[in-house]
Amino acid sequence: MEKSAQYGSLAVQLDSETEDDGIWARKFILSSYPDLSDRRVVNIFHYTKWPVRRVPSKADGVISLMSLVEQSRKNHGQGPVIVACSDGTGRTGTYIAISNLLERMKIEQTMDVFQTIKIIRGSRPQFVDNA
């Protein structure tokens, strides 16, 4: 694919792009310009079938998205995971809540949805829509 652009001292190259049932996976290579030897991989996942302020028609897509992100983290180290939606709150907060609940299940074998949402909304009041 190898589409690239330069933004100041940062070179960004689109390495690959795939789509499967509304989930776009894009792999970018970031490097300092002009020394392109120090490369970082950034994977971006974009789920287009999750409607704004609505629940997806099927859970399969969200489950697939969670799985792809987890697989990417395992393959590329424990770097940051960035989650964003168009308004930065509803779907983002829901994704973060689901991710948090799944991690707690693995560690503590327990799940408290109410407490998880309460904690998340304590930091970001608009997170996790209730529409």
N, C-alpha and C. Protein backbone atom coordinates (compact mmCIF):
# COMPACT_ATOMS: atom_id res chain seq x y z
N MET A 1 0.83 -1.18 0.00
CA MET A 1 0.00 0.00 0.00
C MET A 1 0.88 1.25 0.00
N GLU A 2 1.66 1.42 1.01
CA GLU A 2 2.73 2.41 1.10
C GLU A 2 2.37 3.83 0.70
N LYS A 3 1.21 4.34 1.10
CA LYS A 3 0.91 5.76 0.96
C LYS A 3 1.56 6.45 2.14
N SER A 4 2.31 7.53 1.88
CA SER A 4 2.97 8.19 2.99
C SER A 4 2.82 9.70 2.90
N ALA A 5 3.00 10.34 4.05
CA ALA A 5 2.92 11.80 4.13
C ALA A 5 3.87 12.25 5.23
N GLN A 6 4.26 13.51 5.15
CA GLN A 6 5.15 14.07 6.15
C GLN A 6 4.43 15.21 6.86
N TYR A 7 4.50 15.20 8.19
CA TYR A 7 3.90 16.22 9.03
C TYR A 7 5.01 16.78 9.92
N GLY A 8 5.62 17.87 9.49
CA GLY A 8 6.76 18.41 10.22
C GLY A 8 7.88 17.39 10.24
N SER A 9 8.29 16.97 11.43
CA SER A 9 9.39 16.00 11.54
C SER A 9 8.87 14.57 11.68
N LEU A 10 7.60 14.34 11.35
CA LEU A 10 7.02 13.01 11.47
C LEU A 10 6.61 12.50 10.08
N ALA A 11 7.08 11.31 9.76
CA ALA A 11 6.68 10.65 8.51
C ALA A 11 5.67 9.58 8.86
N VAL A 12 4.54 9.56 8.15
CA VAL A 12 3.47 8.61 8.40
C VAL A 12 3.21 7.83 7.12
N GLN A 13 3.24 6.51 7.23
CA GLN A 13 3.02 5.65 6.07
C GLN A 13 1.89 4.68 6.37
N LEU A 14 0.89 4.64 5.49
CA LEU A 14 -0.17 3.65 5.60
C LEU A 14 0.38 2.34 5.06
N ASP A 15 0.54 1.37 5.94
CA ASP A 15 1.15 0.09 5.58
C ASP A 15 0.10 -0.90 5.07
N SER A 16 -1.06 -0.94 5.72
CA SER A 16 -2.11 -1.86 5.28
C SER A 16 -3.47 -1.35 5.74
N GLU A 17 -4.49 -1.82 5.04
CA GLU A 17 -5.87 -1.44 5.34
C GLU A 17 -6.78 -2.59 4.94
N THR A 18 -7.59 -3.08 5.91
CA THR A 18 -8.53 -4.15 5.61
C THR A 18 -9.88 -3.80 6.23
N GLU A 19 -10.93 -4.42 5.71
CA GLU A 19 -12.27 -4.23 6.25
C GLU A 19 -12.95 -5.58 6.31
N ASP A 20 -13.61 -5.86 7.44
CA ASP A 20 -14.36 -7.09 7.60
C ASP A 20 -15.60 -6.79 8.44
N ASP A 21 -16.74 -6.87 7.84
CA ASP A 21 -18.03 -6.67 8.50
C ASP A 21 -18.09 -5.37 9.29
N GLY A 22 -17.65 -4.29 8.68
CA GLY A 22 -17.75 -2.98 9.31
C GLY A 22 -16.59 -2.60 10.21
N ILE A 23 -15.62 -3.48 10.36
CA ILE A 23 -14.44 -3.15 11.16
C ILE A 23 -13.26 -2.93 10.23
N TRP A 24 -12.80 -1.69 10.18
CA TRP A 24 -11.63 -1.34 9.40
C TRP A 24 -10.41 -1.45 10.29
N ALA A 25 -9.37 -2.10 9.79
CA ALA A 25 -8.09 -2.20 10.49
C ALA A 25 -7.04 -1.53 9.60
N ARG A 26 -6.41 -0.52 10.15
CA ARG A 26 -5.37 0.20 9.42
C ARG A 26 -4.07 0.15 10.22
N LYS A 27 -2.99 -0.17 9.52
CA LYS A 27 -1.68 -0.23 10.16
C LYS A 27 -0.83 0.90 9.58
N PHE A 28 -0.34 1.76 10.47
CA PHE A 28 0.50 2.88 10.07
C PHE A 28 1.90 2.67 10.63
N ILE A 29 2.90 3.17 9.89
CA ILE A 29 4.28 3.19 10.35
C ILE A 29 4.65 4.65 10.54
N LEU A 30 5.06 5.01 11.76
CA LEU A 30 5.48 6.37 12.07
C LEU A 30 6.98 6.39 12.27
N SER A 31 7.64 7.41 11.73
CA SER A 31 9.09 7.55 11.88
C SER A 31 9.42 9.03 12.00
N SER A 32 10.56 9.29 12.62
CA SER A 32 11.09 10.65 12.65
C SER A 32 11.69 10.95 11.29
N TYR A 33 11.44 12.13 10.77
CA TYR A 33 12.00 12.52 9.49
C TYR A 33 13.21 13.41 9.74
N PRO A 34 14.33 13.26 9.11
CA PRO A 34 14.62 12.42 7.96
C PRO A 34 15.15 11.03 8.33
N ASP A 35 15.43 10.77 9.63
CA ASP A 35 15.94 9.45 10.04
C ASP A 35 14.77 8.48 10.17
N LEU A 36 14.52 7.70 9.14
CA LEU A 36 13.37 6.81 9.10
C LEU A 36 13.65 5.44 9.72
N SER A 37 14.80 5.30 10.38
CA SER A 37 15.15 3.99 10.94
C SER A 37 14.39 3.68 12.23
N ASP A 38 14.03 4.69 13.00
CA ASP A 38 13.28 4.49 14.25
C ASP A 38 11.79 4.49 13.92
N ARG A 39 11.24 3.29 13.77
CA ARG A 39 9.86 3.14 13.31
C ARG A 39 8.95 2.66 14.43
N ARG A 40 7.75 3.18 14.46
CA ARG A 40 6.72 2.75 15.41
C ARG A 40 5.50 2.30 14.62
N VAL A 41 4.88 1.23 15.07
CA VAL A 41 3.67 0.73 14.44
C VAL A 41 2.47 1.24 15.22
N VAL A 42 1.49 1.76 14.50
CA VAL A 42 0.24 2.21 15.10
C VAL A 42 -0.89 1.52 14.36
N ASN A 43 -1.71 0.77 15.10
CA ASN A 43 -2.87 0.10 14.52
C ASN A 43 -4.12 0.86 14.92
N ILE A 44 -4.95 1.17 13.94
CA ILE A 44 -6.19 1.88 14.20
C ILE A 44 -7.34 1.00 13.73
N PHE A 45 -8.32 0.82 14.62
CA PHE A 45 -9.51 0.03 14.31
C PHE A 45 -10.70 0.97 14.30
N HIS A 46 -11.50 0.84 13.28
CA HIS A 46 -12.65 1.73 13.08
C HIS A 46 -13.88 0.87 12.83
N TYR A 47 -14.81 0.91 13.78
CA TYR A 47 -16.02 0.09 13.68
C TYR A 47 -17.16 0.97 13.17
N THR A 48 -17.54 0.77 11.93
CA THR A 48 -18.51 1.66 11.27
C THR A 48 -19.96 1.25 11.47
N LYS A 49 -20.22 0.08 12.04
CA LYS A 49 -21.60 -0.39 12.21
C LYS A 49 -22.17 -0.11 13.60
N TRP A 50 -21.48 0.68 14.40
CA TRP A 50 -21.98 1.06 15.72
C TRP A 50 -22.60 2.44 15.58
N PRO A 51 -23.93 2.52 15.50
CA PRO A 51 -24.58 3.81 15.26
C PRO A 51 -24.44 4.77 16.44
N VAL A 52 -24.43 6.07 16.11
CA VAL A 52 -24.32 7.11 17.13
C VAL A 52 -25.55 7.06 18.04
N ARG A 53 -25.28 7.07 19.35
CA ARG A 53 -26.32 7.09 20.39
C ARG A 53 -27.31 5.93 20.28
N ARG A 54 -26.83 4.80 19.76
CA ARG A 54 -27.66 3.60 19.63
C ARG A 54 -26.82 2.38 19.98
N VAL A 55 -27.52 1.27 20.13
CA VAL A 55 -26.87 0.00 20.39
C VAL A 55 -26.68 -0.71 19.06
N PRO A 56 -25.53 -1.34 18.83
CA PRO A 56 -25.35 -2.09 17.58
C PRO A 56 -26.44 -3.17 17.47
N SER A 57 -26.83 -3.48 16.24
CA SER A 57 -27.89 -4.47 16.03
C SER A 57 -27.49 -5.85 16.51
N LYS A 58 -26.18 -6.16 16.45
CA LYS A 58 -25.67 -7.44 16.93
C LYS A 58 -24.41 -7.18 17.77
N ALA A 59 -24.18 -8.04 18.75
CA ALA A 59 -22.99 -7.90 19.60
C ALA A 59 -21.73 -8.42 18.91
N ASP A 60 -21.91 -9.19 17.84
CA ASP A 60 -20.76 -9.82 17.17
C ASP A 60 -19.68 -8.82 16.79
N GLY A 61 -20.07 -7.67 16.27
CA GLY A 61 -19.10 -6.68 15.83
C GLY A 61 -18.27 -6.14 16.98
N VAL A 62 -18.93 -5.83 18.10
CA VAL A 62 -18.21 -5.31 19.27
C VAL A 62 -17.26 -6.38 19.81
N ILE A 63 -17.72 -7.60 19.84
CA ILE A 63 -16.87 -8.71 20.30
C ILE A 63 -15.67 -8.88 19.38
N SER A 64 -15.89 -8.80 18.08
CA SER A 64 -14.78 -8.90 17.12
C SER A 64 -13.80 -7.75 17.29
N LEU A 65 -14.33 -6.55 17.50
CA LEU A 65 -13.48 -5.38 17.71
C LEU A 65 -12.61 -5.56 18.96
N MET A 66 -13.22 -6.01 20.05
CA MET A 66 -12.47 -6.24 21.30
C MET A 66 -11.37 -7.27 21.06
N SER A 67 -11.69 -8.32 20.34
CA SER A 67 -10.73 -9.38 20.06
C SER A 67 -9.57 -8.87 19.20
N LEU A 68 -9.88 -8.08 18.17
CA LEU A 68 -8.82 -7.52 17.32
C LEU A 68 -7.88 -6.60 18.10
N VAL A 69 -8.44 -5.77 18.96
CA VAL A 69 -7.61 -4.87 19.76
C VAL A 69 -6.72 -5.68 20.70
N GLU A 70 -7.29 -6.69 21.34
CA GLU A 70 -6.50 -7.54 22.25
C GLU A 70 -5.39 -8.27 21.49
N GLN A 71 -5.72 -8.78 20.32
CA GLN A 71 -4.72 -9.48 19.50
C GLN A 71 -3.61 -8.51 19.08
N SER A 72 -3.97 -7.30 18.72
CA SER A 72 -2.99 -6.29 18.33
C SER A 72 -2.05 -5.96 19.50
N ARG A 73 -2.62 -5.84 20.70
CA ARG A 73 -1.80 -5.56 21.89
C ARG A 73 -0.81 -6.68 22.14
N LYS A 74 -1.26 -7.92 21.98
CA LYS A 74 -0.37 -9.07 22.20
C LYS A 74 0.75 -9.11 21.16
N ASN A 75 0.43 -8.77 19.92
CA ASN A 75 1.42 -8.83 18.84
C ASN A 75 2.40 -7.67 18.84
N HIS A 76 1.96 -6.51 19.35
CA HIS A 76 2.78 -5.30 19.23
C HIS A 76 3.16 -4.69 20.56
N GLY A 77 3.06 -5.42 21.63
CA GLY A 77 3.46 -4.91 22.93
C GLY A 77 2.33 -4.21 23.66
N GLN A 78 2.67 -3.70 24.82
CA GLN A 78 1.67 -3.09 25.69
C GLN A 78 1.63 -1.57 25.54
N GLY A 79 1.77 -1.07 24.35
CA GLY A 79 1.67 0.36 24.11
C GLY A 79 0.26 0.85 24.38
N PRO A 80 0.06 2.13 24.27
CA PRO A 80 -1.26 2.68 24.58
C PRO A 80 -2.32 2.23 23.58
N VAL A 81 -3.53 2.11 24.09
CA VAL A 81 -4.68 1.85 23.25
C VAL A 81 -5.52 3.11 23.28
N ILE A 82 -5.81 3.66 22.14
CA ILE A 82 -6.60 4.88 22.04
C ILE A 82 -7.96 4.51 21.49
N VAL A 83 -9.01 4.92 22.19
CA VAL A 83 -10.38 4.63 21.79
C VAL A 83 -11.08 5.95 21.55
N ALA A 84 -11.71 6.09 20.40
CA ALA A 84 -12.39 7.34 20.11
C ALA A 84 -13.61 7.09 19.23
N CYS A 85 -14.60 7.93 19.40
CA CYS A 85 -15.77 7.93 18.53
C CYS A 85 -16.01 9.38 18.11
N SER A 86 -17.04 9.61 17.33
CA SER A 86 -17.25 10.94 16.77
C SER A 86 -17.45 12.02 17.83
N ASP A 87 -18.13 11.72 18.93
CA ASP A 87 -18.33 12.73 19.97
C ASP A 87 -17.39 12.53 21.16
N GLY A 88 -16.63 11.45 21.17
CA GLY A 88 -15.65 11.21 22.22
C GLY A 88 -16.22 10.77 23.55
N THR A 89 -17.49 10.39 23.59
CA THR A 89 -18.07 10.03 24.88
C THR A 89 -18.86 8.72 24.83
N GLY A 90 -19.97 8.67 24.14
CA GLY A 90 -20.91 7.56 24.21
C GLY A 90 -20.32 6.21 23.88
N ARG A 91 -19.95 6.00 22.63
CA ARG A 91 -19.41 4.70 22.22
C ARG A 91 -18.04 4.47 22.81
N THR A 92 -17.25 5.54 22.94
CA THR A 92 -15.93 5.42 23.55
C THR A 92 -16.05 4.94 24.99
N GLY A 93 -16.91 5.57 25.75
CA GLY A 93 -17.11 5.18 27.14
C GLY A 93 -17.63 3.77 27.28
N THR A 94 -18.53 3.38 26.39
CA THR A 94 -19.08 2.03 26.42
C THR A 94 -17.98 1.01 26.13
N TYR A 95 -17.15 1.29 25.13
CA TYR A 95 -16.04 0.40 24.81
C TYR A 95 -15.10 0.27 26.02
N ILE A 96 -14.76 1.39 26.64
CA ILE A 96 -13.86 1.37 27.80
C ILE A 96 -14.48 0.58 28.95
N ALA A 97 -15.79 0.77 29.17
CA ALA A 97 -16.47 0.03 30.23
C ALA A 97 -16.43 -1.47 29.96
N ILE A 98 -16.73 -1.87 28.74
CA ILE A 98 -16.70 -3.30 28.40
C ILE A 98 -15.30 -3.87 28.60
N SER A 99 -14.30 -3.14 28.11
CA SER A 99 -12.91 -3.57 28.25
C SER A 99 -12.53 -3.71 29.72
N ASN A 100 -12.91 -2.73 30.52
CA ASN A 100 -12.62 -2.76 31.95
C ASN A 100 -13.29 -3.95 32.63
N LEU A 101 -14.55 -4.18 32.29
CA LEU A 101 -15.29 -5.29 32.88
C LEU A 101 -14.67 -6.64 32.52
N LEU A 102 -14.25 -6.78 31.27
CA LEU A 102 -13.62 -8.04 30.85
C LEU A 102 -12.30 -8.27 31.58
N GLU A 103 -11.50 -7.21 31.75
CA GLU A 103 -10.24 -7.34 32.47
C GLU A 103 -10.48 -7.72 33.93
N ARG A 104 -11.48 -7.10 34.55
CA ARG A 104 -11.81 -7.43 35.94
C ARG A 104 -12.27 -8.88 36.06
N MET A 105 -13.01 -9.34 35.07
CA MET A 105 -13.47 -10.74 35.07
C MET A 105 -12.28 -11.68 35.07
N LYS A 106 -11.26 -11.38 34.24
CA LYS A 106 -10.08 -12.22 34.16
C LYS A 106 -9.33 -12.27 35.49
N ILE A 107 -9.23 -11.13 36.15
CA ILE A 107 -8.42 -11.02 37.37
C ILE A 107 -9.21 -11.41 38.62
N GLU A 108 -10.41 -10.86 38.75
CA GLU A 108 -11.17 -11.00 40.00
C GLU A 108 -12.33 -12.01 39.92
N GLN A 109 -12.61 -12.50 38.73
CA GLN A 109 -13.75 -13.39 38.50
C GLN A 109 -15.07 -12.78 39.01
N THR A 110 -15.17 -11.48 38.89
CA THR A 110 -16.40 -10.79 39.29
C THR A 110 -16.62 -9.60 38.37
N MET A 111 -17.87 -9.15 38.30
CA MET A 111 -18.20 -8.05 37.42
C MET A 111 -19.26 -7.18 38.10
N ASP A 112 -18.99 -5.88 38.21
CA ASP A 112 -19.94 -4.94 38.79
C ASP A 112 -20.15 -3.80 37.78
N VAL A 113 -21.15 -3.96 36.93
CA VAL A 113 -21.40 -3.00 35.86
C VAL A 113 -21.72 -1.62 36.44
N PHE A 114 -22.59 -1.56 37.42
CA PHE A 114 -22.98 -0.28 38.01
C PHE A 114 -21.77 0.48 38.54
N GLN A 115 -20.92 -0.19 39.30
CA GLN A 115 -19.75 0.46 39.89
C GLN A 115 -18.76 0.89 38.81
N THR A 116 -18.59 0.07 37.79
CA THR A 116 -17.69 0.42 36.69
C THR A 116 -18.15 1.69 35.99
N ILE A 117 -19.43 1.77 35.66
CA ILE A 117 -19.97 2.96 34.99
C ILE A 117 -19.86 4.17 35.92
N LYS A 118 -20.12 4.00 37.19
CA LYS A 118 -20.03 5.09 38.16
C LYS A 118 -18.61 5.65 38.21
N ILE A 119 -17.62 4.76 38.25
CA ILE A 119 -16.22 5.19 38.29
C ILE A 119 -15.85 5.94 37.01
N ILE A 120 -16.23 5.38 35.86
CA ILE A 120 -15.92 6.02 34.58
C ILE A 120 -16.58 7.39 34.49
N ARG A 121 -17.84 7.49 34.88
CA ARG A 121 -18.55 8.77 34.82
C ARG A 121 -18.01 9.76 35.85
N GLY A 122 -17.34 9.27 36.89
CA GLY A 122 -16.71 10.16 37.85
C GLY A 122 -15.61 10.98 37.21
N SER A 123 -14.94 10.40 36.21
CA SER A 123 -13.88 11.11 35.49
C SER A 123 -14.44 11.86 34.28
N ARG A 124 -15.37 11.26 33.61
CA ARG A 124 -15.96 11.85 32.39
C ARG A 124 -17.47 11.69 32.47
N PRO A 125 -18.20 12.70 32.94
CA PRO A 125 -19.64 12.58 33.19
C PRO A 125 -20.47 12.14 31.99
N GLN A 126 -20.08 12.42 30.78
CA GLN A 126 -20.88 12.07 29.62
C GLN A 126 -20.57 10.67 29.07
N PHE A 127 -19.55 10.02 29.65
CA PHE A 127 -19.18 8.69 29.16
C PHE A 127 -20.32 7.70 29.37
N VAL A 128 -20.47 6.82 28.44
CA VAL A 128 -21.45 5.73 28.44
C VAL A 128 -22.86 6.31 28.38
N ASP A 129 -23.38 6.36 27.17
CA ASP A 129 -24.75 6.85 26.97
C ASP A 129 -25.75 5.98 27.71
N ASN A 130 -26.84 6.59 28.09
CA ASN A 130 -27.93 5.80 28.67
C ASN A 130 -29.20 6.02 27.87
N ALA A 131 -29.03 6.37 26.61
CA ALA A 131 -30.16 6.58 25.71
C ALA A 131 -30.67 5.26 25.17
